[in-house]
Amino acid sequence: MLDPDLPEARQEEILTRIRTLVEQGGGAWVRHDAWGRRRRAYEIDKKTDGVYHLLELDATPETLTELSRILKITDGVMRHLAVHRVQSTQGPSRPAPEPQERAVPEPEYAATNVRSEEEE
């Protein structure tokens, strides 16, 4: 997540530096999905918005450690999070089962409430 007050040129510079670092480390740039400016759930440095980017890349653990170190000290980067993608070796997953409707039994206290209303 980048600072929303950052000029567009500086944002591109940060993304280019990340890509260069990944490729120099023997990794591959898989995908970049720019989510744009979004409202945050809480303020960071009195800013309620952030510019979000989802980056998918293949990199060695050493490259990822270096990338995290650089992003921590780079001005304009508000937050970052690296997540390990786990790929299945079993092929595509099975579809989820169809949801089934269940009859919800009436609670025991419901009968008590009806009797108390009749006494009044």
C-alpha atoms as a PDB file:
ATOM      1  CA  MET A   1       0.000   0.000   0.000  1.00  0.00           C
ATOM      2  CA  LEU A   2       1.445   3.298  -1.066  1.00  0.00           C
ATOM      3  CA  ASP A   3       0.913   6.812   0.275  1.00  0.00           C
ATOM      4  CA  PRO A   4      -2.059   8.436  -1.508  1.00  0.00           C
ATOM      5  CA  ASP A   5      -0.233  11.797  -1.651  1.00  0.00           C
ATOM      6  CA  LEU A   6       2.658  10.265  -3.590  1.00  0.00           C
ATOM      7  CA  PRO A   7       3.027  11.509  -7.185  1.00  0.00           C
ATOM      8  CA  GLU A   8       2.247   8.968  -9.905  1.00  0.00           C
ATOM      9  CA  ALA A   9       5.859   9.043 -11.130  1.00  0.00           C
ATOM     10  CA  ARG A  10       7.169   8.091  -7.666  1.00  0.00           C
ATOM     11  CA  GLN A  11       4.663   5.223  -7.419  1.00  0.00           C
ATOM     12  CA  GLU A  12       5.873   3.863 -10.764  1.00  0.00           C
ATOM     13  CA  GLU A  13       9.475   4.248  -9.605  1.00  0.00           C
ATOM     14  CA  ILE A  14       8.795   2.119  -6.504  1.00  0.00           C
ATOM     15  CA  LEU A  15       7.069  -0.582  -8.567  1.00  0.00           C
ATOM     16  CA  THR A  16       9.906  -0.584 -11.111  1.00  0.00           C
ATOM     17  CA  ARG A  17      12.459  -0.971  -8.321  1.00  0.00           C
ATOM     18  CA  ILE A  18      10.536  -3.949  -6.898  1.00  0.00           C
ATOM     19  CA  ARG A  19      10.384  -5.599 -10.321  1.00  0.00           C
ATOM     20  CA  THR A  20      14.096  -5.027 -10.928  1.00  0.00           C
ATOM     21  CA  LEU A  21      15.017  -6.472  -7.533  1.00  0.00           C
ATOM     22  CA  VAL A  22      12.904  -9.598  -8.122  1.00  0.00           C
ATOM     23  CA  GLU A  23      14.333 -10.206 -11.600  1.00  0.00           C
ATOM     24  CA  GLN A  24      17.930  -9.615 -10.463  1.00  0.00           C
ATOM     25  CA  GLY A  25      17.374 -12.165  -7.689  1.00  0.00           C
ATOM     26  CA  GLY A  26      16.450 -14.829 -10.238  1.00  0.00           C
ATOM     27  CA  GLY A  27      12.712 -14.495  -9.666  1.00  0.00           C
ATOM     28  CA  ALA A  28       9.852 -13.840 -12.040  1.00  0.00           C
ATOM     29  CA  TRP A  29       7.256 -11.094 -12.111  1.00  0.00           C
ATOM     30  CA  VAL A  30       3.935 -12.947 -12.445  1.00  0.00           C
ATOM     31  CA  ARG A  31       1.263 -10.264 -12.252  1.00  0.00           C
ATOM     32  CA  HIS A  32       0.547  -6.711 -11.104  1.00  0.00           C
ATOM     33  CA  ASP A  33      -3.012  -5.745 -10.220  1.00  0.00           C
ATOM     34  CA  ALA A  34      -3.452  -2.058  -9.379  1.00  0.00           C
ATOM     35  CA  TRP A  35      -6.469  -1.745  -7.065  1.00  0.00           C
ATOM     36  CA  GLY A  36      -6.202   2.025  -6.881  1.00  0.00           C
ATOM     37  CA  ARG A  37      -7.093   4.396  -4.076  1.00  0.00           C
ATOM     38  CA  ARG A  38      -9.179   2.813  -1.295  1.00  0.00           C
ATOM     39  CA  ARG A  39     -10.401   3.904   2.116  1.00  0.00           C
ATOM     40  CA  ARG A  40      -8.607   2.261   5.013  1.00  0.00           C
ATOM     41  CA  ALA A  41     -10.281   0.771   8.067  1.00  0.00           C
ATOM     42  CA  TYR A  42      -8.038   2.903  10.301  1.00  0.00           C
ATOM     43  CA  GLU A  43      -5.688   5.856   9.902  1.00  0.00           C
ATOM     44  CA  ILE A  44      -1.962   5.561   9.335  1.00  0.00           C
ATOM     45  CA  ASP A  45      -0.030   8.809   9.811  1.00  0.00           C
ATOM     46  CA  LYS A  46      -3.370  10.680   9.815  1.00  0.00           C
ATOM     47  CA  LYS A  47      -4.225   9.358   6.339  1.00  0.00           C
ATOM     48  CA  THR A  48      -7.481   7.516   5.784  1.00  0.00           C
ATOM     49  CA  ASP A  49      -6.755   6.355   2.199  1.00  0.00           C
ATOM     50  CA  GLY A  50      -4.081   4.270   0.531  1.00  0.00           C
ATOM     51  CA  VAL A  51      -3.130   3.245  -2.997  1.00  0.00           C
ATOM     52  CA  TYR A  52      -3.240  -0.543  -3.147  1.00  0.00           C
ATOM     53  CA  HIS A  53      -1.223  -2.805  -5.463  1.00  0.00           C
ATOM     54  CA  LEU A  54      -1.370  -6.589  -5.562  1.00  0.00           C
ATOM     55  CA  LEU A  55       1.898  -8.052  -6.824  1.00  0.00           C
ATOM     56  CA  GLU A  56       2.348 -11.730  -7.624  1.00  0.00           C
ATOM     57  CA  LEU A  57       5.915 -12.845  -8.066  1.00  0.00           C
ATOM     58  CA  ASP A  58       8.123 -15.898  -7.813  1.00  0.00           C
ATOM     59  CA  ALA A  59      11.241 -15.259  -5.769  1.00  0.00           C
ATOM     60  CA  THR A  60      13.752 -16.974  -3.548  1.00  0.00           C
ATOM     61  CA  PRO A  61      13.471 -16.492   0.228  1.00  0.00           C
ATOM     62  CA  GLU A  62      16.615 -14.343   0.180  1.00  0.00           C
ATOM     63  CA  THR A  63      15.146 -12.046  -2.475  1.00  0.00           C
ATOM     64  CA  LEU A  64      11.901 -11.768  -0.531  1.00  0.00           C
ATOM     65  CA  THR A  65      13.807 -10.867   2.646  1.00  0.00           C
ATOM     66  CA  GLU A  66      15.726  -8.161   0.788  1.00  0.00           C
ATOM     67  CA  LEU A  67      12.516  -6.887  -0.801  1.00  0.00           C
ATOM     68  CA  SER A  68      10.830  -6.607   2.611  1.00  0.00           C
ATOM     69  CA  ARG A  69      13.856  -4.779   4.007  1.00  0.00           C
ATOM     70  CA  ILE A  70      13.806  -2.258   1.177  1.00  0.00           C
ATOM     71  CA  LEU A  71      10.036  -1.705   1.394  1.00  0.00           C
ATOM     72  CA  LYS A  72      10.311  -1.014   5.145  1.00  0.00           C
ATOM     73  CA  ILE A  73      12.734   1.857   4.597  1.00  0.00           C
ATOM     74  CA  THR A  74      11.229   3.272   1.391  1.00  0.00           C
ATOM     75  CA  ASP A  75       9.391   6.567   1.819  1.00  0.00           C
ATOM     76  CA  GLY A  76       5.914   6.354   0.355  1.00  0.00           C
ATOM     77  CA  VAL A  77       5.310   2.698   1.241  1.00  0.00           C
ATOM     78  CA  MET A  78       2.772   2.706   4.065  1.00  0.00           C
ATOM     79  CA  ARG A  79       2.391  -1.072   4.510  1.00  0.00           C
ATOM     80  CA  HIS A  80       3.414  -4.267   2.775  1.00  0.00           C
ATOM     81  CA  LEU A  81       2.722  -7.944   3.325  1.00  0.00           C
ATOM     82  CA  ALA A  82       4.366 -10.931   1.685  1.00  0.00           C
ATOM     83  CA  VAL A  83       2.264 -14.089   1.540  1.00  0.00           C
ATOM     84  CA  HIS A  84       3.461 -17.522   0.428  1.00  0.00           C
ATOM     85  CA  ARG A  85       1.272 -19.058  -2.287  1.00  0.00           C
ATOM     86  CA  VAL A  86       0.722 -22.789  -1.882  1.00  0.00           C
ATOM     87  CA  GLN A  87       0.057 -24.637  -5.109  1.00  0.00           C
ATOM     88  CA  SER A  88      -1.810 -27.906  -5.042  1.00  0.00           C
ATOM     89  CA  THR A  89      -0.179 -31.006  -6.503  1.00  0.00           C
ATOM     90  CA  GLN A  90      -3.533 -32.786  -6.729  1.00  0.00           C
ATOM     91  CA  GLY A  91      -4.949 -30.794  -9.613  1.00  0.00           C
ATOM     92  CA  PRO A  92      -8.044 -28.626  -9.462  1.00  0.00           C
ATOM     93  CA  SER A  93     -10.044 -28.803  -6.273  1.00  0.00           C
ATOM     94  CA  ARG A  94     -13.480 -30.331  -6.069  1.00  0.00           C
ATOM     95  CA  PRO A  95     -16.467 -27.997  -6.173  1.00  0.00           C
ATOM     96  CA  ALA A  96     -18.091 -27.198  -2.851  1.00  0.00           C
ATOM     97  CA  PRO A  97     -21.179 -29.234  -1.960  1.00  0.00           C
ATOM     98  CA  GLU A  98     -24.594 -27.776  -2.654  1.00  0.00           C
ATOM     99  CA  PRO A  99     -26.023 -25.987   0.388  1.00  0.00           C
ATOM    100  CA  GLN A 100     -28.880 -27.942   1.941  1.00  0.00           C
ATOM    101  CA  GLU A 101     -31.864 -26.376   3.634  1.00  0.00           C
ATOM    102  CA  ARG A 102     -32.381 -27.558   7.177  1.00  0.00           C
ATOM    103  CA  ALA A 103     -35.562 -27.205   9.149  1.00  0.00           C
ATOM    104  CA  VAL A 104     -34.754 -25.281  12.305  1.00  0.00           C
ATOM    105  CA  PRO A 105     -36.527 -26.794  15.319  1.00  0.00           C
ATOM    106  CA  GLU A 106     -38.543 -24.412  17.445  1.00  0.00           C
ATOM    107  CA  PRO A 107     -36.754 -23.686  20.732  1.00  0.00           C
ATOM    108  CA  GLU A 108     -38.228 -25.061  23.950  1.00  0.00           C
ATOM    109  CA  TYR A 109     -38.755 -21.624  25.445  1.00  0.00           C
ATOM    110  CA  ALA A 110     -41.191 -20.677  22.653  1.00  0.00           C
ATOM    111  CA  ALA A 111     -43.946 -22.825  24.173  1.00  0.00           C
ATOM    112  CA  THR A 112     -43.303 -21.215  27.561  1.00  0.00           C
ATOM    113  CA  ASN A 113     -43.828 -17.751  26.094  1.00  0.00           C
ATOM    114  CA  VAL A 114     -47.177 -18.746  24.570  1.00  0.00           C
ATOM    115  CA  ARG A 115     -48.461 -20.030  27.925  1.00  0.00           C
ATOM    116  CA  SER A 116     -47.363 -16.890  29.753  1.00  0.00           C
ATOM    117  CA  GLU A 117     -49.233 -14.747  27.232  1.00  0.00           C
ATOM    118  CA  GLU A 118     -52.430 -16.798  27.733  1.00  0.00           C
ATOM    119  CA  GLU A 119     -52.372 -16.245  31.514  1.00  0.00           C
ATOM    120  CA  GLU A 120     -52.596 -12.472  31.198  1.00  0.00           C
END
